[in-house]
Amino acid sequence: MTLEWTPAALASAARYRTDQPGMRAVNKAVASLVDDPAPPEAFIRGGYRRLSVGPYRIRYLVEGDLITILRVDRL
């Protein structure tokens, strides 16, 4: 599996860079998607998936062997 971040996802995650423990948890969750792109706690909505990590929500797409991180938002 290949993992990529869209420019919008990088920009949205950058807004929360002062929350280092939260961003470490987000990065760990994103890295684990390579091993399991459909964890049981992920919610499928239309064409994309959503994963909650603490107060953050990660929205991503899985297309074949490519995982694209679309956005990181705070709940």
N, C-alpha and C. Protein backbone atom coordinates (compact mmCIF):
# COMPACT_ATOMS: atom_id res chain seq x y z
N MET A 1 0.84 -1.18 0.00
CA MET A 1 0.00 0.00 0.00
C MET A 1 0.89 1.25 0.00
N THR A 2 0.43 2.25 -0.70
CA THR A 2 1.12 3.53 -0.76
C THR A 2 0.24 4.57 -0.07
N LEU A 3 0.88 5.47 0.63
CA LEU A 3 0.17 6.51 1.38
C LEU A 3 0.59 7.86 0.87
N GLU A 4 -0.40 8.74 0.60
CA GLU A 4 -0.07 10.11 0.20
C GLU A 4 -1.03 11.08 0.88
N TRP A 5 -0.54 12.28 1.11
CA TRP A 5 -1.33 13.35 1.71
C TRP A 5 -1.62 14.38 0.64
N THR A 6 -2.85 14.85 0.54
CA THR A 6 -3.16 15.95 -0.38
C THR A 6 -2.64 17.25 0.24
N PRO A 7 -2.42 18.27 -0.58
CA PRO A 7 -2.01 19.56 -0.02
C PRO A 7 -3.03 20.09 1.00
N ALA A 8 -4.31 19.86 0.75
CA ALA A 8 -5.35 20.29 1.70
C ALA A 8 -5.21 19.56 3.03
N ALA A 9 -4.86 18.28 2.99
CA ALA A 9 -4.69 17.51 4.23
C ALA A 9 -3.49 18.02 5.01
N LEU A 10 -2.40 18.31 4.32
CA LEU A 10 -1.21 18.84 5.00
C LEU A 10 -1.51 20.20 5.63
N ALA A 11 -2.24 21.04 4.91
CA ALA A 11 -2.60 22.36 5.44
C ALA A 11 -3.54 22.24 6.63
N SER A 12 -4.50 21.33 6.54
CA SER A 12 -5.45 21.19 7.64
C SER A 12 -4.76 20.62 8.88
N ALA A 13 -3.84 19.70 8.71
CA ALA A 13 -3.10 19.14 9.85
C ALA A 13 -2.16 20.18 10.45
N ALA A 14 -1.61 21.05 9.63
CA ALA A 14 -0.67 22.06 10.11
C ALA A 14 -1.33 23.03 11.09
N ARG A 15 -2.64 23.19 10.99
CA ARG A 15 -3.34 24.10 11.91
C ARG A 15 -3.25 23.61 13.35
N TYR A 16 -3.02 22.32 13.54
CA TYR A 16 -3.02 21.73 14.88
C TYR A 16 -1.62 21.36 15.36
N ARG A 17 -0.60 21.90 14.74
CA ARG A 17 0.77 21.50 15.07
C ARG A 17 1.17 21.85 16.50
N THR A 18 0.45 22.75 17.17
CA THR A 18 0.78 23.05 18.56
C THR A 18 0.36 21.91 19.49
N ASP A 19 -0.52 21.03 19.03
CA ASP A 19 -0.94 19.86 19.82
C ASP A 19 -0.08 18.67 19.41
N GLN A 20 1.15 18.64 19.90
CA GLN A 20 2.09 17.59 19.50
C GLN A 20 1.63 16.19 19.87
N PRO A 21 1.11 15.94 21.08
CA PRO A 21 0.64 14.58 21.37
C PRO A 21 -0.51 14.15 20.44
N GLY A 22 -1.41 15.08 20.14
CA GLY A 22 -2.51 14.76 19.24
C GLY A 22 -2.03 14.46 17.83
N MET A 23 -1.08 15.23 17.35
CA MET A 23 -0.56 15.01 15.99
C MET A 23 0.25 13.73 15.91
N ARG A 24 0.94 13.37 17.00
CA ARG A 24 1.64 12.08 17.01
C ARG A 24 0.64 10.93 16.90
N ALA A 25 -0.49 11.05 17.61
CA ALA A 25 -1.53 10.03 17.54
C ALA A 25 -2.12 9.95 16.14
N VAL A 26 -2.33 11.10 15.51
CA VAL A 26 -2.86 11.13 14.13
C VAL A 26 -1.87 10.47 13.19
N ASN A 27 -0.59 10.84 13.29
CA ASN A 27 0.43 10.25 12.41
C ASN A 27 0.55 8.74 12.61
N LYS A 28 0.44 8.29 13.86
CA LYS A 28 0.50 6.85 14.13
C LYS A 28 -0.70 6.14 13.51
N ALA A 29 -1.89 6.74 13.63
CA ALA A 29 -3.10 6.14 13.04
C ALA A 29 -3.00 6.10 11.52
N VAL A 30 -2.49 7.18 10.92
CA VAL A 30 -2.35 7.22 9.46
C VAL A 30 -1.34 6.16 9.00
N ALA A 31 -0.23 6.03 9.71
CA ALA A 31 0.78 5.03 9.35
C ALA A 31 0.21 3.62 9.46
N SER A 32 -0.67 3.39 10.43
CA SER A 32 -1.25 2.04 10.59
C SER A 32 -2.23 1.70 9.48
N LEU A 33 -2.72 2.71 8.75
CA LEU A 33 -3.63 2.44 7.64
C LEU A 33 -2.95 1.64 6.53
N VAL A 34 -1.64 1.74 6.43
CA VAL A 34 -0.91 0.98 5.41
C VAL A 34 -1.08 -0.52 5.65
N ASP A 35 -1.09 -0.94 6.91
CA ASP A 35 -1.27 -2.35 7.24
C ASP A 35 -2.74 -2.77 7.19
N ASP A 36 -3.63 -1.87 7.60
CA ASP A 36 -5.06 -2.18 7.62
C ASP A 36 -5.84 -0.94 7.22
N PRO A 37 -6.14 -0.77 5.93
CA PRO A 37 -6.85 0.44 5.48
C PRO A 37 -8.32 0.48 5.90
N ALA A 38 -8.83 -0.60 6.46
CA ALA A 38 -10.23 -0.65 6.90
C ALA A 38 -10.31 -1.11 8.34
N PRO A 39 -9.76 -0.31 9.29
CA PRO A 39 -9.86 -0.73 10.69
C PRO A 39 -11.33 -0.74 11.12
N PRO A 40 -11.67 -1.55 12.11
CA PRO A 40 -13.07 -1.67 12.52
C PRO A 40 -13.68 -0.34 12.99
N GLU A 41 -12.87 0.57 13.50
CA GLU A 41 -13.41 1.83 13.99
C GLU A 41 -13.60 2.88 12.90
N ALA A 42 -13.19 2.58 11.67
CA ALA A 42 -13.36 3.51 10.55
C ALA A 42 -14.81 3.48 10.08
N PHE A 43 -15.29 4.65 9.71
CA PHE A 43 -16.66 4.80 9.23
C PHE A 43 -16.61 5.05 7.73
N ILE A 44 -17.35 4.27 6.96
CA ILE A 44 -17.38 4.44 5.50
C ILE A 44 -18.56 5.33 5.16
N ARG A 45 -18.27 6.40 4.44
CA ARG A 45 -19.31 7.35 4.05
C ARG A 45 -19.13 7.67 2.57
N GLY A 46 -20.02 7.12 1.76
CA GLY A 46 -19.89 7.35 0.32
C GLY A 46 -18.61 6.74 -0.20
N GLY A 47 -17.81 7.55 -0.87
CA GLY A 47 -16.57 7.07 -1.45
C GLY A 47 -15.36 7.19 -0.54
N TYR A 48 -15.53 7.83 0.61
CA TYR A 48 -14.38 8.00 1.49
C TYR A 48 -14.61 7.34 2.84
N ARG A 49 -13.55 7.29 3.63
CA ARG A 49 -13.61 6.71 4.98
C ARG A 49 -13.23 7.78 5.98
N ARG A 50 -13.71 7.60 7.20
CA ARG A 50 -13.43 8.55 8.26
C ARG A 50 -12.98 7.78 9.49
N LEU A 51 -11.91 8.27 10.09
CA LEU A 51 -11.34 7.63 11.27
C LEU A 51 -11.17 8.69 12.35
N SER A 52 -11.70 8.43 13.53
CA SER A 52 -11.54 9.36 14.66
C SER A 52 -10.36 8.92 15.51
N VAL A 53 -9.52 9.91 15.86
CA VAL A 53 -8.36 9.68 16.72
C VAL A 53 -8.38 10.78 17.77
N GLY A 54 -8.80 10.44 18.97
CA GLY A 54 -8.94 11.47 20.01
C GLY A 54 -9.91 12.53 19.51
N PRO A 55 -9.52 13.81 19.59
CA PRO A 55 -10.42 14.87 19.13
C PRO A 55 -10.31 15.15 17.63
N TYR A 56 -9.58 14.33 16.90
CA TYR A 56 -9.35 14.57 15.47
C TYR A 56 -10.09 13.57 14.61
N ARG A 57 -10.44 14.02 13.41
CA ARG A 57 -11.08 13.16 12.42
C ARG A 57 -10.22 13.17 11.16
N ILE A 58 -9.88 11.98 10.69
CA ILE A 58 -9.07 11.82 9.48
C ILE A 58 -10.00 11.33 8.38
N ARG A 59 -10.05 12.05 7.28
CA ARG A 59 -10.86 11.62 6.14
C ARG A 59 -9.90 11.15 5.04
N TYR A 60 -10.15 9.95 4.51
CA TYR A 60 -9.24 9.37 3.53
C TYR A 60 -9.97 8.52 2.50
N LEU A 61 -9.31 8.28 1.39
CA LEU A 61 -9.80 7.42 0.31
C LEU A 61 -8.89 6.22 0.16
N VAL A 62 -9.47 5.10 -0.19
CA VAL A 62 -8.69 3.90 -0.52
C VAL A 62 -9.05 3.53 -1.95
N GLU A 63 -8.07 3.59 -2.83
CA GLU A 63 -8.27 3.25 -4.24
C GLU A 63 -7.18 2.26 -4.64
N GLY A 64 -7.54 1.00 -4.71
CA GLY A 64 -6.56 -0.03 -5.03
C GLY A 64 -5.48 -0.09 -3.96
N ASP A 65 -4.23 0.15 -4.35
CA ASP A 65 -3.11 0.13 -3.41
C ASP A 65 -2.72 1.52 -2.93
N LEU A 66 -3.57 2.51 -3.15
CA LEU A 66 -3.27 3.89 -2.78
C LEU A 66 -4.24 4.37 -1.70
N ILE A 67 -3.67 4.90 -0.62
CA ILE A 67 -4.45 5.53 0.44
C ILE A 67 -4.14 7.02 0.36
N THR A 68 -5.18 7.84 0.18
CA THR A 68 -5.00 9.28 0.08
C THR A 68 -5.66 9.96 1.28
N ILE A 69 -4.87 10.66 2.06
CA ILE A 69 -5.39 11.41 3.19
C ILE A 69 -5.93 12.72 2.64
N LEU A 70 -7.23 12.96 2.87
CA LEU A 70 -7.90 14.13 2.32
C LEU A 70 -7.89 15.32 3.27
N ARG A 71 -8.19 15.08 4.55
CA ARG A 71 -8.27 16.16 5.54
C ARG A 71 -8.05 15.62 6.94
N VAL A 72 -7.60 16.50 7.80
CA VAL A 72 -7.54 16.24 9.23
C VAL A 72 -8.25 17.40 9.90
N ASP A 73 -9.32 17.11 10.63
CA ASP A 73 -10.10 18.15 11.30
C ASP A 73 -10.27 17.81 12.76
N ARG A 74 -10.55 18.82 13.52
CA ARG A 74 -10.80 18.64 14.95
C ARG A 74 -12.31 18.52 15.15
N LEU A 75 -12.73 17.59 15.99
CA LEU A 75 -14.16 17.39 16.27
C LEU A 75 -14.72 18.52 17.09
